[in-house]
Amino acid sequence: MIHKEKLKVTLIISSLSSGGAERVMSMLANHWSQDKYDITLITLASVDLDFYHLSNKVRRIPLDLMKPSKSSFHAVIAVFSRLKAIRSAIKNSEANIVISFVDRTNILTILSSRWLNVPVIVSERTDPRHHKIGLIWNFFRKLLYKYSDALIVQTMAVKEWANNELPGVNAFSLPNPVEIPDSDIVGNHELMEGKVIVSVGRLGFEKGHDVLLRAFKLCHQKDMNWRLVIFGDGPEKPALESYIKEHNLSDFVYLPGRILNPNEILPLAKIFVLPSRYEGFPNALLEAMASGLPVISTNCDSGPSEIISNGNDGMLVPVDDAQALANILLKLMASPSDRKRLGSAALHTVQRYEIGNVIKMWESVIYEVLDNNTVNNL
């Protein structure tokens, strides 16, 4: 059978720019390429957008198809060009199985691979109940996902959505992996010295950093010894910067941009906050817990409540509630013992998401798909 041999696995994603989906795909590619599988990674974008490092054992195919269209007509032509290029790349990779990440790329991958006799696994990397992709793309998702051999989602709540909204889909819930950092490898960053609250994530509305700023302002009025550092970039950065300036927080709140290796920086902080309005399965939260940080997260859809046991290994607060977040922050800011207790418990909890354990979950789905394909082709 195929999976007794060295599998040829082809991974497809729009780009390897900074983001949760891109980070997870690069992690899978790097681990699988270490003498286990032959890995080909295809991106629709060029390598110019790459943020994450790939092992030199990964065969990299950048299709450079992400140029903006001049009109609706050119947009339609571009879709057909992408389908043709993806199909050709899949054929050239001689894949035994294809794995695609993110909604629109999943749709293109399913269409491109039709009648190639290659099983396809697609994966949603955020919460589709909140993340809108447009009526046309949503129509094609409902129409075409049933032609995939498996759909990977990140939480049981989204799996339930898939079972209800996507008839005929074979859905599995697999969490994101996390690499437990070596406690001896800690970087340095001048902004992380002293009493620091940290957050990591795209500066978009869905991540709720505006709520975190309002909560920090309330905390700052009672304790001026703490600073807030938010790593990331995105469309909300100008609005966040305006708020910081307007409320005279420039000496206490910093937005230094994206960070490649959060594991080297997170242990330098005292508290981690995830203020999201919704999530897929928050990588940054897992990384903070793996660094032994006490974590505060909104109880948003979806992910945090499947990771955190409230009050035991982290704290959950309502979405969009700056006052509730400020109350918990103030409590932890004033209590080193609570910070230590929560951080220790978080480190214990996150072990189940260690990359080796999650890789085994992925491989279980891969082999099930391959076995089903073998039976169906007899």
Protein backbone atom coordinates (compact mmCIF):
# COMPACT_ATOMS: atom_id res chain seq x y z
CA MET A 1 0.00 0.00 0.00
CA ILE A 2 1.15 3.59 -0.62
CA HIS A 3 1.56 4.53 3.00
CA LYS A 4 3.99 1.66 3.57
CA GLU A 5 6.35 3.56 1.29
CA LYS A 6 7.62 7.12 1.51
CA LEU A 7 4.62 9.32 0.84
CA LYS A 8 4.70 12.20 -1.58
CA VAL A 9 2.63 14.90 0.12
CA THR A 10 1.80 18.13 -1.68
CA LEU A 11 0.79 21.11 0.46
CA ILE A 12 -1.02 24.11 -1.04
CA ILE A 13 -1.63 27.54 0.47
CA SER A 14 -2.05 31.05 -0.87
CA SER A 15 1.24 32.32 0.58
CA LEU A 16 3.70 31.86 3.43
CA SER A 17 3.22 35.39 4.73
CA SER A 18 2.81 35.89 8.48
CA GLY A 19 -0.34 34.29 9.85
CA GLY A 20 -1.63 31.32 11.78
CA ALA A 21 -2.43 29.10 8.79
CA GLU A 22 0.93 29.83 7.19
CA ARG A 23 2.76 29.10 10.43
CA VAL A 24 1.03 25.73 10.90
CA MET A 25 1.64 24.69 7.29
CA SER A 26 5.33 25.56 7.54
CA MET A 27 5.56 23.54 10.78
CA LEU A 28 3.93 20.49 9.17
CA ALA A 29 6.12 20.79 6.07
CA ASN A 30 9.33 21.04 8.07
CA HIS A 31 8.53 18.14 10.37
CA TRP A 32 7.27 15.83 7.65
CA SER A 33 10.23 16.57 5.40
CA GLN A 34 12.73 15.25 7.95
CA ASP A 35 13.22 11.83 6.33
CA LYS A 36 9.54 10.87 6.65
CA TYR A 37 7.69 12.19 3.59
CA ASP A 38 8.65 13.82 0.31
CA ILE A 39 7.12 17.27 0.72
CA THR A 40 6.21 19.72 -2.01
CA LEU A 41 4.78 23.06 -0.93
CA ILE A 42 2.91 25.13 -3.52
CA THR A 43 1.94 28.77 -2.97
CA LEU A 44 -0.14 30.93 -5.26
CA ALA A 45 2.07 33.86 -4.27
CA SER A 46 5.77 34.36 -4.99
CA VAL A 47 8.52 33.75 -2.46
CA ASP A 48 8.71 37.52 -1.96
CA LEU A 49 5.84 37.21 0.53
CA ASP A 50 7.46 34.40 2.52
CA PHE A 51 7.72 35.08 6.24
CA TYR A 52 8.28 31.58 7.61
CA HIS A 53 11.38 29.48 7.03
CA LEU A 54 11.19 26.14 5.22
CA SER A 55 13.64 23.28 5.47
CA ASN A 56 15.80 22.81 2.39
CA LYS A 57 14.27 19.33 2.19
CA VAL A 58 10.93 20.87 1.19
CA ARG A 59 10.42 21.28 -2.56
CA ARG A 60 9.06 24.81 -2.94
CA ILE A 61 6.87 25.81 -5.91
CA PRO A 62 5.81 29.50 -5.91
CA LEU A 63 3.30 30.06 -8.72
CA ASP A 64 3.35 33.89 -8.48
CA LEU A 65 -0.33 34.20 -9.39
CA MET A 66 -1.45 36.86 -6.92
CA LYS A 67 -1.22 39.94 -9.11
CA PRO A 68 -4.32 42.21 -8.81
CA SER A 69 -6.90 42.03 -11.62
CA LYS A 70 -7.72 45.15 -13.64
CA SER A 71 -11.39 44.25 -14.15
CA SER A 72 -14.02 41.58 -13.48
CA PHE A 73 -13.20 40.00 -16.84
CA HIS A 74 -9.53 39.81 -15.96
CA ALA A 75 -10.46 38.37 -12.54
CA VAL A 76 -12.32 35.49 -14.22
CA ILE A 77 -9.37 34.88 -16.54
CA ALA A 78 -7.07 34.91 -13.51
CA VAL A 79 -9.12 32.20 -11.80
CA PHE A 80 -8.79 29.91 -14.82
CA SER A 81 -5.06 30.64 -14.98
CA ARG A 82 -4.72 29.69 -11.32
CA LEU A 83 -6.66 26.47 -11.82
CA LYS A 84 -4.46 25.48 -14.75
CA ALA A 85 -1.23 26.32 -12.87
CA ILE A 86 -2.29 24.52 -9.69
CA ARG A 87 -3.32 21.43 -11.65
CA SER A 88 0.00 21.36 -13.49
CA ALA A 89 1.95 21.77 -10.23
CA ILE A 90 0.02 18.94 -8.57
CA LYS A 91 0.70 16.64 -11.52
CA ASN A 92 4.39 17.54 -11.55
CA SER A 93 4.69 16.87 -7.83
CA GLU A 94 3.50 13.27 -8.40
CA ALA A 95 1.55 13.57 -5.16
CA ASN A 96 0.08 10.61 -3.34
CA ILE A 97 -2.09 13.05 -1.39
CA VAL A 98 -2.78 16.80 -1.47
CA ILE A 99 -3.45 18.99 1.57
CA SER A 100 -4.81 22.51 1.07
CA PHE A 101 -5.21 25.30 3.63
CA VAL A 102 -7.75 28.17 3.72
CA ASP A 103 -11.20 28.48 2.12
CA ARG A 104 -10.60 30.03 -1.32
CA THR A 105 -7.42 28.07 -1.94
CA ASN A 106 -9.30 24.92 -0.91
CA ILE A 107 -11.94 25.58 -3.57
CA LEU A 108 -9.31 26.15 -6.26
CA THR A 109 -7.45 23.01 -5.18
CA ILE A 110 -10.56 20.81 -5.35
CA LEU A 111 -11.37 22.11 -8.85
CA SER A 112 -7.76 21.78 -10.03
CA SER A 113 -7.39 18.20 -8.84
CA ARG A 114 -10.61 16.77 -10.27
CA TRP A 115 -10.02 13.53 -12.19
CA LEU A 116 -6.33 13.42 -11.27
CA ASN A 117 -7.06 10.44 -9.03
CA VAL A 118 -5.27 12.09 -6.10
CA PRO A 119 -7.02 12.31 -2.71
CA VAL A 120 -7.44 15.84 -1.38
CA ILE A 121 -7.70 17.03 2.22
CA VAL A 122 -8.85 20.62 2.73
CA SER A 123 -8.61 22.62 5.94
CA GLU A 124 -10.50 25.64 7.26
CA ARG A 125 -8.09 27.71 9.37
CA THR A 126 -10.48 30.16 11.02
CA ASP A 127 -14.09 30.13 12.19
CA PRO A 128 -16.31 30.20 9.07
CA ARG A 129 -19.32 31.18 11.19
CA HIS A 130 -17.71 34.59 11.58
CA HIS A 131 -15.18 34.89 8.75
CA LYS A 132 -17.04 35.90 5.60
CA ILE A 133 -15.66 34.97 2.17
CA GLY A 134 -18.41 36.40 -0.04
CA LEU A 135 -21.58 34.88 -1.50
CA ILE A 136 -19.94 33.39 -4.59
CA TRP A 137 -17.05 31.76 -2.75
CA ASN A 138 -19.42 30.50 -0.04
CA PHE A 139 -21.64 28.97 -2.75
CA PHE A 140 -18.69 27.12 -4.23
CA ARG A 141 -17.55 25.98 -0.77
CA LYS A 142 -20.95 24.38 -0.14
CA LEU A 143 -20.99 22.91 -3.65
CA LEU A 144 -17.43 21.56 -3.81
CA TYR A 145 -16.21 20.62 -0.33
CA LYS A 146 -18.05 17.30 -0.57
CA TYR A 147 -15.62 16.35 -3.34
CA SER A 148 -12.70 16.54 -0.91
CA ASP A 149 -11.71 13.32 0.87
CA ALA A 150 -11.60 15.02 4.28
CA LEU A 151 -12.15 18.44 5.83
CA ILE A 152 -9.92 19.41 8.75
CA VAL A 153 -11.26 22.04 11.13
CA GLN A 154 -9.74 23.20 14.39
CA THR A 155 -12.51 22.90 16.97
CA MET A 156 -15.50 20.72 17.75
CA ALA A 157 -17.79 23.73 17.37
CA VAL A 158 -16.67 24.27 13.76
CA LYS A 159 -16.90 20.53 13.09
CA GLU A 160 -20.55 20.71 14.14
CA TRP A 161 -21.00 23.67 11.77
CA ALA A 162 -19.44 21.67 8.93
CA ASN A 163 -21.68 18.66 9.58
CA ASN A 164 -24.75 20.93 9.44
CA GLU A 165 -23.77 23.29 6.62
CA LEU A 166 -21.71 21.09 4.30
CA PRO A 167 -23.62 17.87 3.59
CA GLY A 168 -21.48 14.96 2.48
CA VAL A 169 -18.27 16.31 3.99
CA ASN A 170 -16.06 14.01 6.06
CA ALA A 171 -15.01 16.42 8.84
CA PHE A 172 -12.32 15.99 11.50
CA SER A 173 -11.38 18.34 14.34
CA LEU A 174 -7.62 18.67 14.83
CA PRO A 175 -6.03 21.34 17.04
CA ASN A 176 -3.10 23.50 16.04
CA PRO A 177 0.33 22.22 17.06
CA VAL A 178 2.76 24.07 19.28
CA GLU A 179 6.51 23.68 19.70
CA ILE A 180 7.47 23.63 23.36
CA PRO A 181 10.43 26.03 23.56
CA ASP A 182 13.77 25.13 25.11
CA SER A 183 13.78 26.94 28.43
CA ASP A 184 17.45 27.82 27.89
CA ILE A 185 16.76 29.65 24.63
CA VAL A 186 15.40 33.07 25.47
CA GLY A 187 15.98 36.13 23.35
CA ASN A 188 16.17 39.72 24.45
CA HIS A 189 14.11 42.75 23.57
CA GLU A 190 14.37 46.13 25.20
CA LEU A 191 10.60 46.58 25.19
CA MET A 192 10.16 43.40 27.22
CA GLU A 193 12.13 44.53 30.27
CA GLY A 194 10.23 44.92 33.55
CA LYS A 195 6.50 44.46 34.04
CA VAL A 196 5.13 43.74 30.59
CA ILE A 197 1.75 42.57 29.32
CA VAL A 198 2.10 41.08 25.84
CA SER A 199 -0.22 40.20 22.97
CA VAL A 200 0.64 38.68 19.59
CA GLY A 201 -1.57 38.67 16.52
CA ARG A 202 -2.67 40.32 13.31
CA LEU A 203 -3.79 43.89 13.90
CA GLY A 204 -7.26 43.32 12.50
CA PHE A 205 -10.71 44.05 13.91
CA GLU A 206 -11.30 40.36 14.65
CA LYS A 207 -8.33 40.27 17.04
CA GLY A 208 -9.83 42.87 19.38
CA HIS A 209 -6.69 44.85 20.21
CA ASP A 210 -8.81 47.98 20.50
CA VAL A 211 -10.54 46.33 23.48
CA LEU A 212 -7.17 45.46 24.99
CA LEU A 213 -6.08 49.10 24.69
CA ARG A 214 -9.22 50.28 26.47
CA ALA A 215 -8.68 47.72 29.22
CA PHE A 216 -5.03 48.69 29.60
CA LYS A 217 -6.00 52.37 29.90
CA LEU A 218 -8.26 51.46 32.84
CA CYS A 219 -5.43 49.46 34.43
CA HIS A 220 -2.92 52.23 33.82
CA GLN A 221 -5.06 54.65 35.81
CA LYS A 222 -4.53 52.44 38.88
CA ASP A 223 -1.01 51.07 38.28
CA MET A 224 1.47 52.96 36.09
CA ASN A 225 4.32 50.46 36.53
CA TRP A 226 3.22 48.18 33.68
CA ARG A 227 3.65 48.41 29.92
CA LEU A 228 1.78 46.78 27.03
CA VAL A 229 3.53 45.38 23.95
CA ILE A 230 1.45 44.14 21.00
CA PHE A 231 3.40 42.27 18.30
CA GLY A 232 1.81 42.13 14.87
CA ASP A 233 0.80 44.17 11.87
CA GLY A 234 -2.40 44.79 9.97
CA PRO A 235 -5.07 47.25 8.86
CA GLU A 236 -6.04 48.41 12.36
CA LYS A 237 -2.56 49.66 13.23
CA PRO A 238 -3.23 53.35 12.39
CA ALA A 239 -6.39 53.37 14.54
CA LEU A 240 -4.56 51.72 17.43
CA GLU A 241 -1.70 54.22 17.14
CA SER A 242 -4.20 57.10 17.17
CA TYR A 243 -5.81 55.75 20.35
CA ILE A 244 -2.43 55.39 22.04
CA LYS A 245 -1.50 58.96 21.18
CA GLU A 246 -4.90 60.41 22.06
CA HIS A 247 -4.83 58.86 25.54
CA ASN A 248 -1.19 59.74 26.29
CA LEU A 249 -0.07 56.12 26.39
CA SER A 250 2.90 56.41 24.02
CA ASP A 251 5.40 55.77 26.82
CA PHE A 252 3.52 52.70 27.98
CA VAL A 253 2.10 50.94 24.89
CA TYR A 254 4.20 49.74 21.94
CA LEU A 255 3.38 48.25 18.53
CA PRO A 256 6.78 47.01 17.29
CA GLY A 257 5.46 45.00 14.34
CA ARG A 258 5.64 41.33 13.42
CA ILE A 259 7.87 38.84 15.18
CA LEU A 260 9.25 35.66 13.60
CA ASN A 261 10.04 33.69 16.76
CA PRO A 262 7.55 34.49 19.56
CA ASN A 263 9.03 31.66 21.63
CA GLU A 264 12.15 33.74 22.22
CA ILE A 265 10.21 36.79 23.39
CA LEU A 266 7.15 35.50 25.24
CA PRO A 267 9.03 34.18 28.30
CA LEU A 268 10.23 37.74 28.96
CA ALA A 269 6.67 38.95 29.62
CA LYS A 270 4.64 38.67 32.81
CA ILE A 271 1.11 38.26 31.36
CA PHE A 272 -0.28 37.32 27.93
CA VAL A 273 -3.64 38.54 26.62
CA LEU A 274 -5.66 37.26 23.65
CA PRO A 275 -8.51 39.80 23.19
CA SER A 276 -10.00 38.28 19.99
CA ARG A 277 -13.59 38.66 18.85
CA TYR A 278 -13.31 35.27 17.14
CA GLU A 279 -10.56 32.77 16.39
CA GLY A 280 -9.78 29.59 14.49
CA PHE A 281 -7.52 27.92 17.01
CA PRO A 282 -5.19 30.54 18.47
CA ASN A 283 -1.52 29.76 17.86
CA ALA A 284 -0.40 32.73 19.93
CA LEU A 285 -2.34 31.50 22.96
CA LEU A 286 -0.74 28.05 22.71
CA GLU A 287 2.73 29.60 22.34
CA ALA A 288 2.20 31.80 25.39
CA MET A 289 1.06 28.82 27.46
CA ALA A 290 4.03 26.80 26.19
CA SER A 291 6.26 29.61 27.48
CA GLY A 292 4.76 29.24 30.96
CA LEU A 293 2.90 32.54 30.88
CA PRO A 294 -0.33 33.22 32.74
CA VAL A 295 -2.87 33.84 29.98
CA ILE A 296 -6.09 35.81 29.71
CA SER A 297 -8.32 35.18 26.70
CA THR A 298 -11.74 36.22 25.57
CA ASN A 299 -14.20 33.36 25.60
CA CYS A 300 -14.69 33.81 21.87
CA ASP A 301 -15.71 31.50 19.06
CA SER A 302 -13.80 29.30 18.75
CA GLY A 303 -10.83 27.69 20.44
CA PRO A 304 -10.01 29.32 23.79
CA SER A 305 -12.65 27.48 25.83
CA GLU A 306 -11.44 24.18 24.35
CA ILE A 307 -7.92 24.99 25.55
CA ILE A 308 -8.36 26.87 28.83
CA SER A 309 -10.03 25.63 31.99
CA ASN A 310 -11.14 28.97 33.41
CA GLY A 311 -9.36 29.85 36.63
CA ASN A 312 -7.13 26.78 36.51
CA ASP A 313 -4.68 27.20 33.62
CA GLY A 314 -5.83 30.57 32.33
CA MET A 315 -8.60 33.13 32.58
CA LEU A 316 -11.56 33.62 30.23
CA VAL A 317 -13.40 36.93 29.90
CA PRO A 318 -16.39 37.99 27.79
CA VAL A 319 -15.81 39.25 24.26
CA ASP A 320 -15.74 43.05 23.79
CA ASP A 321 -15.78 43.72 27.55
CA ALA A 322 -12.87 46.06 28.35
CA GLN A 323 -13.93 46.43 31.99
CA ALA A 324 -14.02 42.67 32.63
CA LEU A 325 -10.62 42.32 31.00
CA ALA A 326 -9.22 45.18 33.07
CA ASN A 327 -10.53 43.60 36.27
CA ILE A 328 -8.72 40.32 35.60
CA LEU A 329 -5.58 42.11 34.44
CA LEU A 330 -5.46 44.15 37.65
CA LYS A 331 -5.86 41.03 39.72
CA LEU A 332 -2.92 39.30 38.00
CA MET A 333 -0.81 42.45 37.93
CA ALA A 334 -1.11 42.58 41.73
CA SER A 335 -0.50 38.87 42.37
CA PRO A 336 2.82 37.20 41.43
CA SER A 337 1.60 34.00 43.09
CA ASP A 338 -1.48 33.81 40.84
CA ARG A 339 0.68 34.48 37.81
CA LYS A 340 3.03 31.68 38.78
CA ARG A 341 0.19 29.23 39.49
CA LEU A 342 -1.58 29.90 36.19
CA GLY A 343 1.65 29.82 34.19
CA SER A 344 2.70 26.46 35.62
CA ALA A 345 -0.71 24.95 34.94
CA ALA A 346 -0.73 26.39 31.41
CA LEU A 347 2.60 24.74 30.62
CA HIS A 348 1.20 21.39 31.78
CA THR A 349 -2.03 21.78 29.77
CA VAL A 350 -0.34 22.71 26.52
CA GLN A 351 1.67 19.48 26.38
CA ARG A 352 -1.24 17.75 24.65
CA TYR A 353 -0.86 20.16 21.73
CA GLU A 354 2.86 19.49 21.33
CA ILE A 355 3.64 19.13 17.64
CA GLY A 356 4.54 15.45 17.84
CA ASN A 357 1.10 14.63 19.25
CA VAL A 358 -0.76 16.74 16.67
CA ILE A 359 1.32 15.30 13.81
CA LYS A 360 0.06 11.83 14.82
CA MET A 361 -3.52 13.10 14.58
CA TRP A 362 -2.87 14.43 11.08
CA GLU A 363 -1.25 11.18 10.00
CA SER A 364 -4.21 9.19 11.28
CA VAL A 365 -6.50 11.18 8.97
CA ILE A 366 -4.04 10.93 6.06
CA TYR A 367 -3.80 7.14 6.31
CA GLU A 368 -7.57 6.78 6.69
CA VAL A 369 -8.05 8.81 3.51
CA LEU A 370 -5.43 6.76 1.64
CA ASP A 371 -6.98 3.47 2.79
CA ASN A 372 -10.47 4.60 1.76
CA ASN A 373 -9.12 5.65 -1.64
CA THR A 374 -7.43 2.30 -2.11
CA VAL A 375 -10.66 0.45 -1.31
CA ASN A 376 -12.72 2.70 -3.57
CA ASN A 377 -10.31 2.16 -6.48
CA LEU A 378 -10.36 -1.64 -6.26
